[in-house]
């Protein structure tokens, strides 16, 4: 094997080691990026759930106000309905949940139109409001659980990435040292053998020939 071929092969080995380290790092970053996207989506969902819960709670307070009128109650109930139609809310909350909440709020609005005095907080007005609140409370609990699961998965993934990159980088460093030492010895040992032979010739010792051994 010629010196040029040897150098090419060993350089290729080192480049492959670097590519492996980079591949492991990119794989890890890709996984962490997916975890981040999932967490951001769940946080948007949680934020919109809390915002909608606040609107519905204000509507519930308006219904329980002794001085409320059908007009004020309807306006209070329309606010969360309008909130449901916002693009941010539509993107964050699942369609089934939005439809169920809209049905609850529509039922409350229809029931509220039949009353002129809310001092006793009629059940057919408050029941759909509490149903909507319970749906959102369940959604908030589920979302918080998913966020916690994503955080745990991301932490486990991060540890795996650190371990994987660390191991592959250490192996690449060991390989680089081994290849460097091998290359050094492969070049220097023949040169030193040649140096000793030339020194003998310089002293007039022509008894031994310089044998052509090893790589070209």
N, C-alpha and C. Protein backbone atom coordinates (compact mmCIF):
# COMPACT_ATOMS: atom_id res chain seq x y z
N UNK A 1 0.85 -1.20 0.00
CA UNK A 1 0.00 0.00 0.00
C UNK A 1 0.88 1.24 0.00
N UNK A 2 0.58 2.17 -0.90
CA UNK A 2 1.39 3.38 -0.99
C UNK A 2 1.04 4.33 0.16
N UNK A 3 1.97 5.26 0.39
CA UNK A 3 1.75 6.24 1.45
C UNK A 3 0.51 7.10 1.16
N UNK A 4 0.31 7.45 -0.11
CA UNK A 4 -0.85 8.25 -0.48
C UNK A 4 -2.16 7.54 -0.19
N UNK A 5 -2.19 6.22 -0.52
CA UNK A 5 -3.40 5.44 -0.25
C UNK A 5 -3.65 5.33 1.25
N UNK A 6 -2.56 5.11 1.99
CA UNK A 6 -2.70 5.00 3.45
C UNK A 6 -3.25 6.30 4.04
N UNK A 7 -2.69 7.42 3.61
CA UNK A 7 -3.16 8.71 4.12
C UNK A 7 -4.63 8.94 3.76
N UNK A 8 -5.01 8.57 2.56
CA UNK A 8 -6.40 8.75 2.13
C UNK A 8 -7.36 7.93 2.98
N UNK A 9 -7.02 6.67 3.23
CA UNK A 9 -7.87 5.80 4.03
C UNK A 9 -7.99 6.30 5.46
N UNK A 10 -6.91 6.71 6.04
CA UNK A 10 -6.95 7.16 7.43
C UNK A 10 -7.68 8.49 7.57
N UNK A 11 -7.52 9.35 6.57
CA UNK A 11 -8.28 10.59 6.58
C UNK A 11 -9.78 10.31 6.46
N UNK A 12 -10.10 9.32 5.61
CA UNK A 12 -11.51 8.95 5.46
C UNK A 12 -12.09 8.42 6.77
N UNK A 13 -11.29 7.65 7.52
CA UNK A 13 -11.74 7.14 8.81
C UNK A 13 -12.03 8.29 9.78
N UNK A 14 -11.14 9.26 9.81
CA UNK A 14 -11.34 10.40 10.71
C UNK A 14 -12.56 11.22 10.30
N UNK A 15 -12.74 11.42 9.00
CA UNK A 15 -13.92 12.16 8.53
C UNK A 15 -15.19 11.41 8.90
N UNK A 16 -15.17 10.07 8.75
CA UNK A 16 -16.34 9.27 9.11
C UNK A 16 -16.66 9.41 10.60
N UNK A 17 -15.63 9.43 11.43
CA UNK A 17 -15.85 9.59 12.87
C UNK A 17 -16.51 10.93 13.17
N UNK A 18 -16.05 11.98 12.50
CA UNK A 18 -16.65 13.30 12.71
C UNK A 18 -18.10 13.31 12.23
N UNK A 19 -18.36 12.65 11.11
CA UNK A 19 -19.73 12.58 10.58
C UNK A 19 -20.65 11.85 11.56
N UNK A 20 -20.14 10.78 12.17
CA UNK A 20 -20.95 10.03 13.14
C UNK A 20 -21.29 10.91 14.34
N UNK A 21 -20.30 11.64 14.86
CA UNK A 21 -20.56 12.54 15.99
C UNK A 21 -21.59 13.60 15.61
N UNK A 22 -21.42 14.18 14.42
CA UNK A 22 -22.37 15.20 13.97
C UNK A 22 -23.76 14.60 13.78
N UNK A 23 -23.83 13.37 13.27
CA UNK A 23 -25.12 12.72 13.08
C UNK A 23 -25.84 12.48 14.39
N UNK A 24 -25.11 12.02 15.39
CA UNK A 24 -25.71 11.79 16.71
C UNK A 24 -26.21 13.12 17.30
N UNK A 25 -25.41 14.17 17.15
CA UNK A 25 -25.81 15.48 17.67
C UNK A 25 -27.06 16.00 16.96
N UNK A 26 -27.11 15.85 15.63
CA UNK A 26 -28.28 16.32 14.88
C UNK A 26 -29.52 15.51 15.22
N UNK A 27 -29.33 14.19 15.40
CA UNK A 27 -30.47 13.36 15.81
C UNK A 27 -31.01 13.83 17.15
N UNK A 28 -30.11 14.10 18.09
CA UNK A 28 -30.54 14.57 19.40
C UNK A 28 -31.23 15.92 19.34
N UNK A 29 -30.68 16.84 18.55
CA UNK A 29 -31.29 18.16 18.43
C UNK A 29 -32.66 18.07 17.76
N UNK A 30 -32.79 17.16 16.79
CA UNK A 30 -34.09 16.99 16.15
C UNK A 30 -35.14 16.51 17.14
N UNK A 31 -34.77 15.54 17.99
CA UNK A 31 -35.71 15.06 18.99
C UNK A 31 -36.08 16.13 20.00
N UNK A 32 -35.09 16.89 20.45
CA UNK A 32 -35.37 17.97 21.39
C UNK A 32 -36.26 19.05 20.76
N UNK A 33 -36.04 19.30 19.47
CA UNK A 33 -36.87 20.28 18.78
C UNK A 33 -38.32 19.81 18.68
N UNK A 34 -38.51 18.50 18.44
CA UNK A 34 -39.88 17.97 18.41
C UNK A 34 -40.54 18.07 19.78
N UNK A 35 -39.77 17.78 20.83
CA UNK A 35 -40.32 17.92 22.18
C UNK A 35 -40.70 19.37 22.47
N UNK A 36 -39.86 20.30 22.01
CA UNK A 36 -40.14 21.72 22.23
C UNK A 36 -41.41 22.14 21.50
N UNK A 37 -41.57 21.70 20.25
CA UNK A 37 -42.77 22.04 19.49
C UNK A 37 -44.02 21.49 20.18
N UNK A 38 -43.92 20.24 20.66
CA UNK A 38 -45.07 19.64 21.35
C UNK A 38 -45.41 20.42 22.62
N UNK A 39 -44.38 20.80 23.38
CA UNK A 39 -44.61 21.54 24.61
C UNK A 39 -45.22 22.91 24.33
N UNK A 40 -44.74 23.59 23.29
CA UNK A 40 -45.30 24.91 22.95
C UNK A 40 -46.77 24.79 22.55
N UNK A 41 -47.10 23.73 21.80
CA UNK A 41 -48.50 23.52 21.44
C UNK A 41 -49.38 23.30 22.65
N UNK A 42 -48.88 22.51 23.60
CA UNK A 42 -49.66 22.27 24.82
C UNK A 42 -49.77 23.52 25.68
N UNK A 43 -48.71 24.32 25.72
CA UNK A 43 -48.78 25.57 26.48
C UNK A 43 -49.79 26.54 25.85
N UNK A 44 -49.84 26.59 24.52
CA UNK A 44 -50.86 27.42 23.86
C UNK A 44 -52.27 26.93 24.23
N UNK A 45 -52.42 25.62 24.23
CA UNK A 45 -53.72 25.04 24.58
C UNK A 45 -54.09 25.37 26.02
N UNK A 46 -53.11 25.30 26.92
CA UNK A 46 -53.37 25.61 28.32
C UNK A 46 -53.71 27.09 28.50
N UNK A 47 -52.97 27.95 27.81
CA UNK A 47 -53.22 29.40 27.92
C UNK A 47 -54.63 29.75 27.44
N UNK A 48 -55.02 29.19 26.31
CA UNK A 48 -56.35 29.49 25.78
C UNK A 48 -57.44 28.90 26.67
N UNK A 49 -57.19 27.76 27.27
CA UNK A 49 -58.18 27.17 28.19
C UNK A 49 -58.39 28.07 29.40
N UNK A 50 -57.29 28.60 29.95
CA UNK A 50 -57.41 29.51 31.09
C UNK A 50 -58.12 30.81 30.70
N UNK A 51 -57.80 31.33 29.51
CA UNK A 51 -58.44 32.57 29.06
C UNK A 51 -59.94 32.36 28.89
N UNK A 52 -60.31 31.23 28.30
CA UNK A 52 -61.73 30.95 28.10
C UNK A 52 -62.43 30.69 29.42
N UNK A 53 -61.74 30.02 30.34
CA UNK A 53 -62.30 29.79 31.67
C UNK A 53 -62.59 31.12 32.36
N UNK A 54 -61.71 32.08 32.22
CA UNK A 54 -61.92 33.39 32.82
C UNK A 54 -63.16 34.07 32.26
N UNK A 55 -63.35 33.96 30.93
CA UNK A 55 -64.54 34.57 30.30
C UNK A 55 -65.82 33.91 30.81
N UNK A 56 -65.80 32.59 30.92
CA UNK A 56 -67.00 31.88 31.37
C UNK A 56 -67.29 32.17 32.84
N UNK A 57 -66.24 32.30 33.64
CA UNK A 57 -66.43 32.64 35.05
C UNK A 57 -67.06 34.03 35.19
N UNK A 58 -66.66 34.95 34.33
CA UNK A 58 -67.29 36.29 34.36
C UNK A 58 -68.75 36.20 33.97
N UNK A 59 -69.06 35.33 33.01
CA UNK A 59 -70.45 35.15 32.61
C UNK A 59 -71.25 34.54 33.76
N UNK A 60 -70.66 33.59 34.46
CA UNK A 60 -71.34 32.98 35.61
C UNK A 60 -71.62 34.03 36.68
N UNK A 61 -70.66 34.91 36.91
CA UNK A 61 -70.85 35.97 37.90
C UNK A 61 -71.98 36.92 37.47
N UNK A 62 -72.05 37.18 36.15
CA UNK A 62 -73.10 38.07 35.66
C UNK A 62 -74.48 37.44 35.85
N UNK A 63 -74.55 36.11 35.65
CA UNK A 63 -75.84 35.43 35.83
C UNK A 63 -76.27 35.48 37.28
N UNK A 64 -75.33 35.39 38.18
CA UNK A 64 -75.66 35.37 39.61
C UNK A 64 -75.87 36.77 40.19
N UNK A 65 -75.68 37.78 39.37
CA UNK A 65 -75.90 39.15 39.83
C UNK A 65 -77.41 39.40 39.98
N UNK A 66 -77.91 39.76 41.19
CA UNK A 66 -79.36 39.98 41.36
C UNK A 66 -79.91 41.06 40.46
N UNK A 67 -79.09 42.01 40.09
CA UNK A 67 -79.58 43.10 39.24
C UNK A 67 -79.40 42.84 37.76
N UNK A 68 -79.07 41.63 37.39
CA UNK A 68 -78.81 41.33 35.98
C UNK A 68 -80.11 41.37 35.18
N UNK A 69 -79.96 41.72 33.92
CA UNK A 69 -81.07 41.71 32.97
C UNK A 69 -80.75 40.72 31.86
N UNK A 70 -81.75 40.30 31.09
CA UNK A 70 -81.46 39.39 29.98
C UNK A 70 -80.39 39.93 29.03
N UNK A 71 -80.40 41.24 28.82
CA UNK A 71 -79.43 41.83 27.90
C UNK A 71 -78.00 41.72 28.45
N UNK A 72 -77.83 42.05 29.74
CA UNK A 72 -76.48 41.99 30.32
C UNK A 72 -75.99 40.54 30.41
N UNK A 73 -76.90 39.62 30.75
CA UNK A 73 -76.51 38.21 30.83
C UNK A 73 -76.12 37.69 29.46
N UNK A 74 -76.90 38.06 28.44
CA UNK A 74 -76.59 37.58 27.09
C UNK A 74 -75.26 38.14 26.61
N UNK A 75 -75.00 39.40 26.91
CA UNK A 75 -73.71 39.98 26.52
C UNK A 75 -72.56 39.26 27.21
N UNK A 76 -72.74 38.95 28.50
CA UNK A 76 -71.70 38.25 29.24
C UNK A 76 -71.46 36.85 28.68
N UNK A 77 -72.53 36.19 28.25
CA UNK A 77 -72.39 34.84 27.69
C UNK A 77 -71.85 34.87 26.26
N UNK A 78 -72.05 35.97 25.56
CA UNK A 78 -71.55 36.06 24.19
C UNK A 78 -70.03 36.25 24.14
N UNK A 79 -69.46 36.81 25.20
CA UNK A 79 -68.01 37.04 25.21
C UNK A 79 -67.22 35.73 25.04
N UNK A 80 -67.52 34.68 25.84
CA UNK A 80 -66.78 33.43 25.60
C UNK A 80 -67.10 32.80 24.25
N UNK A 81 -68.33 33.02 23.74
CA UNK A 81 -68.66 32.50 22.41
C UNK A 81 -67.78 33.17 21.36
N UNK A 82 -67.63 34.49 21.45
CA UNK A 82 -66.76 35.21 20.52
C UNK A 82 -65.31 34.79 20.69
N UNK A 83 -64.92 34.51 21.93
CA UNK A 83 -63.55 34.05 22.19
C UNK A 83 -63.28 32.73 21.47
N UNK A 84 -64.28 31.87 21.43
CA UNK A 84 -64.12 30.58 20.75
C UNK A 84 -63.84 30.75 19.26
N UNK A 85 -64.34 31.86 18.68
CA UNK A 85 -64.19 32.08 17.24
C UNK A 85 -62.85 32.72 16.88
N UNK A 86 -62.07 33.13 17.86
CA UNK A 86 -60.78 33.74 17.56
C UNK A 86 -59.83 32.71 16.94
N UNK A 87 -59.04 33.12 15.95
CA UNK A 87 -58.14 32.17 15.28
C UNK A 87 -57.16 31.48 16.24
N UNK A 88 -56.65 32.23 17.22
CA UNK A 88 -55.70 31.63 18.16
C UNK A 88 -56.37 30.53 18.96
N UNK A 89 -57.59 30.78 19.41
CA UNK A 89 -58.32 29.77 20.18
C UNK A 89 -58.66 28.57 19.31
N UNK A 90 -59.10 28.83 18.09
CA UNK A 90 -59.45 27.74 17.17
C UNK A 90 -58.24 26.86 16.88
N UNK A 91 -57.05 27.48 16.79
CA UNK A 91 -55.84 26.70 16.52
C UNK A 91 -55.38 25.91 17.74
N UNK A 92 -55.64 26.45 18.94
CA UNK A 92 -55.10 25.82 20.14
C UNK A 92 -56.00 24.71 20.68
N UNK A 93 -57.31 24.89 20.62
CA UNK A 93 -58.23 23.93 21.22
C UNK A 93 -58.77 22.96 20.17
N UNK A 94 -58.98 21.71 20.55
CA UNK A 94 -59.54 20.74 19.59
C UNK A 94 -60.97 21.08 19.22
N UNK A 95 -61.37 20.71 18.01
CA UNK A 95 -62.70 21.05 17.52
C UNK A 95 -63.82 20.45 18.35
N UNK A 96 -63.64 19.23 18.85
CA UNK A 96 -64.69 18.61 19.65
C UNK A 96 -64.96 19.39 20.93
N UNK A 97 -63.89 19.89 21.55
CA UNK A 97 -64.07 20.68 22.76
C UNK A 97 -64.75 22.00 22.45
N UNK A 98 -64.34 22.66 21.37
CA UNK A 98 -64.96 23.93 21.01
C UNK A 98 -66.45 23.75 20.72
N UNK A 99 -66.79 22.69 20.01
CA UNK A 99 -68.20 22.44 19.69
C UNK A 99 -69.02 22.19 20.97
N UNK A 100 -68.46 21.41 21.89
CA UNK A 100 -69.18 21.13 23.13
C UNK A 100 -69.35 22.39 23.96
N UNK A 101 -68.32 23.22 24.03
CA UNK A 101 -68.44 24.47 24.77
C UNK A 101 -69.44 25.41 24.13
N UNK A 102 -69.43 25.47 22.81
CA UNK A 102 -70.39 26.34 22.12
C UNK A 102 -71.83 25.88 22.40
N UNK A 103 -72.04 24.57 22.41
CA UNK A 103 -73.38 24.05 22.70
C UNK A 103 -73.81 24.44 24.12
N UNK A 104 -72.90 24.29 25.07
CA UNK A 104 -73.23 24.68 26.46
C UNK A 104 -73.58 26.16 26.54
N UNK A 105 -72.77 27.00 25.91
CA UNK A 105 -73.01 28.44 25.99
C UNK A 105 -74.29 28.84 25.25
N UNK A 106 -74.54 28.20 24.10
CA UNK A 106 -75.79 28.49 23.38
C UNK A 106 -77.00 28.09 24.22
N UNK A 107 -76.91 26.95 24.89
CA UNK A 107 -78.01 26.54 25.77
C UNK A 107 -78.24 27.56 26.88
N UNK A 108 -77.13 28.06 27.46
CA UNK A 108 -77.26 29.05 28.53
C UNK A 108 -77.88 30.34 28.01
N UNK A 109 -77.49 30.76 26.80
CA UNK A 109 -78.05 32.00 26.23
C UNK A 109 -79.54 31.84 25.97
N UNK A 110 -79.94 30.72 25.39
CA UNK A 110 -81.36 30.49 25.12
C UNK A 110 -82.17 30.46 26.42
N UNK A 111 -81.61 29.82 27.44
CA UNK A 111 -82.32 29.76 28.72
C UNK A 111 -82.39 31.14 29.37
N UNK A 112 -81.33 31.94 29.23
CA UNK A 112 -81.29 33.26 29.87
C UNK A 112 -82.31 34.22 29.27
N UNK A 113 -82.63 34.03 27.99
CA UNK A 113 -83.57 34.95 27.34
C UNK A 113 -85.00 34.83 27.91
N UNK A 114 -85.27 33.76 28.64
CA UNK A 114 -86.61 33.58 29.17
C UNK A 114 -86.79 34.11 30.57
N UNK A 115 -85.76 34.76 31.12
CA UNK A 115 -85.85 35.24 32.50
C UNK A 115 -85.62 36.76 32.53
N UNK A 116 -86.34 37.39 33.43
CA UNK A 116 -86.14 38.83 33.64
C UNK A 116 -85.53 39.10 35.01
N UNK A 117 -85.56 38.12 35.91
CA UNK A 117 -85.02 38.30 37.26
C UNK A 117 -84.10 37.12 37.56
N UNK A 118 -82.81 37.40 37.83
CA UNK A 118 -81.83 36.34 38.06
C UNK A 118 -81.45 36.23 39.53
N UNK A 119 -82.32 36.75 40.38
CA UNK A 119 -81.99 36.72 41.80
C UNK A 119 -81.84 35.29 42.31
N UNK A 120 -82.61 34.36 41.78
CA UNK A 120 -82.55 32.96 42.23
C UNK A 120 -81.62 32.11 41.37
N UNK A 121 -80.94 32.70 40.41
CA UNK A 121 -80.02 32.00 39.51
C UNK A 121 -80.66 30.72 38.97
N UNK A 122 -81.55 30.82 38.00
CA UNK A 122 -82.27 29.65 37.50
C UNK A 122 -81.33 28.54 37.04
N UNK A 123 -81.73 27.31 37.37
CA UNK A 123 -80.87 26.15 37.12
C UNK A 123 -80.62 25.92 35.65
N UNK A 124 -81.62 26.15 34.81
CA UNK A 124 -81.43 25.88 33.39
C UNK A 124 -80.50 26.89 32.73
N UNK A 125 -80.18 28.00 33.42
CA UNK A 125 -79.17 28.94 32.93
C UNK A 125 -77.79 28.57 33.44
N UNK A 126 -77.70 28.24 34.72
CA UNK A 126 -76.39 27.96 35.33
C UNK A 126 -75.86 26.57 34.99
N UNK A 127 -76.75 25.60 34.77
CA UNK A 127 -76.30 24.23 34.53
C UNK A 127 -75.38 24.14 33.30
N UNK A 128 -75.74 24.72 32.13
CA UNK A 128 -74.82 24.65 31.00
C UNK A 128 -73.52 25.41 31.24
N UNK A 129 -73.60 26.49 32.04
CA UNK A 129 -72.37 27.24 32.34
C UNK A 129 -71.43 26.37 33.17
N UNK A 130 -71.97 25.68 34.18
CA UNK A 130 -71.13 24.80 34.98
C UNK A 130 -70.61 23.62 34.15
N UNK A 131 -71.43 23.16 33.19
CA UNK A 131 -70.97 22.08 32.31
C UNK A 131 -69.75 22.54 31.50
N UNK A 132 -69.80 23.79 31.00
CA UNK A 132 -68.67 24.33 30.25
C UNK A 132 -67.43 24.47 31.15
N UNK A 133 -67.67 24.95 32.38
CA UNK A 133 -66.55 25.11 33.32
C UNK A 133 -65.92 23.76 33.63
N UNK A 134 -66.75 22.74 33.82
CA UNK A 134 -66.22 21.40 34.11
C UNK A 134 -65.43 20.85 32.92
N UNK A 135 -65.92 21.10 31.71
CA UNK A 135 -65.19 20.64 30.52
C UNK A 135 -63.81 21.28 30.46
N UNK A 136 -63.77 22.59 30.71
CA UNK A 136 -62.49 23.29 30.65
C UNK A 136 -61.56 22.86 31.78
N UNK A 137 -62.12 22.63 32.96
CA UNK A 137 -61.30 22.17 34.08
C UNK A 137 -60.66 20.82 33.76
N UNK A 138 -61.45 19.93 33.16
CA UNK A 138 -60.91 18.62 32.75
C UNK A 138 -59.84 18.79 31.68
N UNK A 139 -60.08 19.69 30.73
CA UNK A 139 -59.10 19.95 29.67
C UNK A 139 -57.80 20.51 30.26
N UNK A 140 -57.91 21.41 31.22
CA UNK A 140 -56.72 21.99 31.84
C UNK A 140 -55.91 20.91 32.57
N UNK A 141 -56.61 20.03 33.30
CA UNK A 141 -55.90 18.95 33.99
C UNK A 141 -55.21 18.02 33.01
N UNK A 142 -55.91 17.66 31.92
CA UNK A 142 -55.31 16.78 30.92
C UNK A 142 -54.10 17.43 30.25
N UNK A 143 -54.23 18.71 29.94
CA UNK A 143 -53.12 19.42 29.28
C UNK A 143 -51.92 19.51 30.21
N UNK A 144 -52.17 19.81 31.48
CA UNK A 144 -51.07 19.88 32.45
C UNK A 144 -50.36 18.52 32.55
N UNK A 145 -51.14 17.43 32.52
CA UNK A 145 -50.53 16.11 32.56
C UNK A 145 -49.69 15.83 31.32
N UNK A 146 -50.17 16.25 30.16
CA UNK A 146 -49.39 16.05 28.92
C UNK A 146 -48.12 16.87 28.94
N UNK A 147 -48.19 18.09 29.46
CA UNK A 147 -46.99 18.93 29.54
C UNK A 147 -45.96 18.29 30.45
N UNK A 148 -46.41 17.75 31.58
CA UNK A 148 -45.47 17.08 32.49
C UNK A 148 -44.83 15.87 31.83
N UNK A 149 -45.62 15.11 31.06
CA UNK A 149 -45.07 13.94 30.36
C UNK A 149 -44.05 14.37 29.31
N UNK A 150 -44.34 15.46 28.60
CA UNK A 150 -43.41 15.96 27.59
C UNK A 150 -42.11 16.42 28.25
N UNK A 151 -42.22 17.10 29.39
CA UNK A 151 -41.02 17.55 30.10
C UNK A 151 -40.17 16.38 30.55
N UNK A 152 -40.81 15.33 31.06
CA UNK A 152 -40.05 14.14 31.48
C UNK A 152 -39.39 13.47 30.28
N UNK A 153 -40.13 13.37 29.16
CA UNK A 153 -39.55 12.76 27.97
C UNK A 153 -38.38 13.59 27.43
N UNK A 154 -38.56 14.91 27.44
CA UNK A 154 -37.49 15.78 26.95
C UNK A 154 -36.24 15.67 27.82
N UNK A 155 -36.43 15.56 29.14
CA UNK A 155 -35.28 15.42 30.04
C UNK A 155 -34.55 14.10 29.78
N UNK A 156 -35.33 13.01 29.62
CA UNK A 156 -34.71 11.72 29.32
C UNK A 156 -33.99 11.77 27.97
N UNK A 157 -34.61 12.43 27.00
CA UNK A 157 -33.99 12.57 25.69
C UNK A 157 -32.71 13.39 25.78
N UNK A 158 -32.76 14.45 26.56
CA UNK A 158 -31.56 15.29 26.70
C UNK A 158 -30.41 14.50 27.30
N UNK A 159 -30.71 13.69 28.33
CA UNK A 159 -29.64 12.87 28.93
C UNK A 159 -29.08 11.87 27.91
N UNK A 160 -29.97 11.30 27.10
CA UNK A 160 -29.51 10.35 26.08
C UNK A 160 -28.63 11.04 25.05
N UNK A 161 -29.02 12.25 24.67
CA UNK A 161 -28.23 13.00 23.68
C UNK A 161 -26.85 13.33 24.23
N UNK A 162 -26.81 13.82 25.47
CA UNK A 162 -25.53 14.16 26.09
C UNK A 162 -24.64 12.92 26.18
N UNK A 163 -25.22 11.80 26.61
CA UNK A 163 -24.45 10.57 26.72
C UNK A 163 -23.98 10.09 25.35
N UNK A 164 -24.90 10.13 24.36
CA UNK A 164 -24.53 9.67 23.02
C UNK A 164 -23.46 10.51 22.39
N UNK A 165 -23.61 11.83 22.47
CA UNK A 165 -22.60 12.72 21.88
C UNK A 165 -21.28 12.58 22.62
N UNK A 166 -21.35 12.48 23.95
CA UNK A 166 -20.11 12.33 24.73
C UNK A 166 -19.37 11.05 24.38
N UNK A 167 -20.10 9.94 24.27
CA UNK A 167 -19.45 8.66 23.95
C UNK A 167 -18.86 8.66 22.53
N UNK A 168 -19.67 9.14 21.57
CA UNK A 168 -19.15 9.15 20.20
C UNK A 168 -17.98 10.11 20.04
N UNK A 169 -18.03 11.25 20.74
CA UNK A 169 -16.91 12.18 20.68
C UNK A 169 -15.66 11.58 21.31
N UNK A 170 -15.83 10.86 22.44
CA UNK A 170 -14.69 10.21 23.08
C UNK A 170 -14.11 9.12 22.18
N UNK A 171 -14.99 8.33 21.57
CA UNK A 171 -14.51 7.29 20.65
C UNK A 171 -13.80 7.90 19.45
N UNK A 172 -14.35 9.02 18.94
CA UNK A 172 -13.70 9.69 17.81
C UNK A 172 -12.32 10.21 18.21
N UNK A 173 -12.21 10.74 19.43
CA UNK A 173 -10.91 11.24 19.89
C UNK A 173 -9.90 10.09 20.02
N UNK A 174 -10.35 8.97 20.60
CA UNK A 174 -9.46 7.80 20.73
C UNK A 174 -9.05 7.31 19.35
N UNK A 175 -10.01 7.25 18.43
CA UNK A 175 -9.71 6.80 17.08
C UNK A 175 -8.72 7.74 16.40
N UNK A 176 -8.90 9.05 16.61
CA UNK A 176 -7.98 10.01 15.99
C UNK A 176 -6.56 9.83 16.52
N UNK A 177 -6.44 9.61 17.84
CA UNK A 177 -5.11 9.39 18.43
C UNK A 177 -4.50 8.10 17.88
N UNK A 178 -5.31 7.04 17.79
CA UNK A 178 -4.80 5.76 17.30
C UNK A 178 -4.37 5.87 15.84
N UNK A 179 -5.19 6.52 15.03
CA UNK A 179 -4.84 6.69 13.61
C UNK A 179 -3.59 7.55 13.46
N UNK A 180 -3.52 8.61 14.28
CA UNK A 180 -2.33 9.47 14.21
C UNK A 180 -1.06 8.73 14.60
N UNK A 181 -1.15 7.94 15.68
CA UNK A 181 0.02 7.15 16.10
C UNK A 181 0.39 6.12 15.05
N UNK A 182 -0.62 5.47 14.50
CA UNK A 182 -0.36 4.47 13.45
C UNK A 182 0.30 5.12 12.24
N UNK A 183 -0.21 6.26 11.82
CA UNK A 183 0.36 6.95 10.67
C UNK A 183 1.79 7.41 10.96
N UNK A 184 2.02 7.89 12.15
CA UNK A 184 3.37 8.33 12.52
C UNK A 184 4.36 7.18 12.44
N UNK A 185 3.98 6.06 13.05
CA UNK A 185 4.88 4.91 13.04
C UNK A 185 5.06 4.36 11.64
N UNK A 186 4.00 4.35 10.84
CA UNK A 186 4.09 3.81 9.49
C UNK A 186 5.05 4.63 8.62
N UNK A 187 5.17 5.92 8.91
CA UNK A 187 6.07 6.78 8.12
C UNK A 187 7.46 6.85 8.74
N UNK A 188 7.52 7.00 10.07
CA UNK A 188 8.79 7.25 10.72
C UNK A 188 9.66 6.01 10.84
N UNK A 189 9.08 4.84 11.07
CA UNK A 189 9.92 3.65 11.21
C UNK A 189 10.72 3.34 9.94
N UNK A 190 10.11 3.35 8.74
CA UNK A 190 10.93 3.14 7.54
C UNK A 190 11.99 4.23 7.34
N UNK A 191 11.62 5.48 7.66
CA UNK A 191 12.60 6.56 7.50
C UNK A 191 13.78 6.39 8.45
N UNK A 192 13.52 5.96 9.68
CA UNK A 192 14.61 5.75 10.63
C UNK A 192 15.47 4.56 10.21
N UNK A 193 14.82 3.51 9.68
CA UNK A 193 15.60 2.38 9.18
C UNK A 193 16.50 2.83 8.02
N UNK A 194 15.95 3.69 7.16
CA UNK A 194 16.74 4.22 6.05
C UNK A 194 17.87 5.11 6.58
N UNK A 195 17.55 5.89 7.61
CA UNK A 195 18.57 6.77 8.22
C UNK A 195 19.74 5.96 8.77
N UNK A 196 19.43 4.87 9.47
CA UNK A 196 20.51 4.03 10.02
C UNK A 196 21.33 3.39 8.90
N UNK A 197 20.65 2.95 7.83
CA UNK A 197 21.37 2.34 6.72
C UNK A 197 22.28 3.33 6.03
N UNK A 198 21.82 4.56 5.80
CA UNK A 198 22.64 5.59 5.17
C UNK A 198 23.83 5.94 6.05
N UNK A 199 23.60 5.95 7.39
CA UNK A 199 24.72 6.24 8.30
C UNK A 199 25.81 5.17 8.18
N UNK A 200 25.38 3.90 8.02
CA UNK A 200 26.38 2.83 7.85
C UNK A 200 27.15 3.02 6.54
N UNK A 201 26.41 3.40 5.48
CA UNK A 201 27.08 3.64 4.20
C UNK A 201 28.06 4.79 4.31
N UNK A 202 27.66 5.82 5.07
CA UNK A 202 28.55 6.97 5.22
C UNK A 202 29.83 6.59 5.95
N UNK A 203 29.73 5.58 6.82
CA UNK A 203 30.94 5.12 7.53
C UNK A 203 31.76 4.15 6.68
N UNK A 204 31.28 3.84 5.47
CA UNK A 204 32.01 2.91 4.60
C UNK A 204 31.64 1.46 4.83
N UNK A 205 30.52 1.22 5.52
CA UNK A 205 30.09 -0.15 5.78
C UNK A 205 29.10 -0.54 4.70
N UNK A 206 29.64 -1.34 3.72
CA UNK A 206 28.80 -1.75 2.60
C UNK A 206 28.38 -3.22 2.70
N UNK A 207 28.48 -3.78 3.91
CA UNK A 207 28.21 -5.21 4.05
C UNK A 207 26.70 -5.50 3.99
N UNK A 208 25.89 -4.64 4.54
CA UNK A 208 24.45 -4.89 4.60
C UNK A 208 23.72 -4.04 3.56
N UNK A 209 22.75 -4.68 2.92
CA UNK A 209 21.90 -3.94 1.98
C UNK A 209 20.70 -3.35 2.72
N UNK A 210 20.17 -2.27 2.19
CA UNK A 210 18.95 -1.70 2.73
C UNK A 210 17.78 -2.45 2.10
N UNK A 211 17.16 -3.33 2.89
CA UNK A 211 16.09 -4.17 2.34
C UNK A 211 14.81 -3.35 2.13
N UNK A 212 14.11 -3.61 1.05
CA UNK A 212 12.83 -2.94 0.74
C UNK A 212 11.71 -3.76 1.38
N UNK A 213 11.33 -3.42 2.61
CA UNK A 213 10.28 -4.15 3.31
C UNK A 213 9.14 -3.19 3.64
N UNK A 214 7.95 -3.75 3.88
CA UNK A 214 6.81 -2.92 4.25
C UNK A 214 6.15 -2.27 3.05
N UNK A 215 5.36 -1.22 3.31
CA UNK A 215 4.62 -0.53 2.26
C UNK A 215 5.56 0.23 1.35
N UNK A 216 5.08 0.52 0.12
CA UNK A 216 5.93 1.24 -0.81
C UNK A 216 6.21 2.65 -0.35
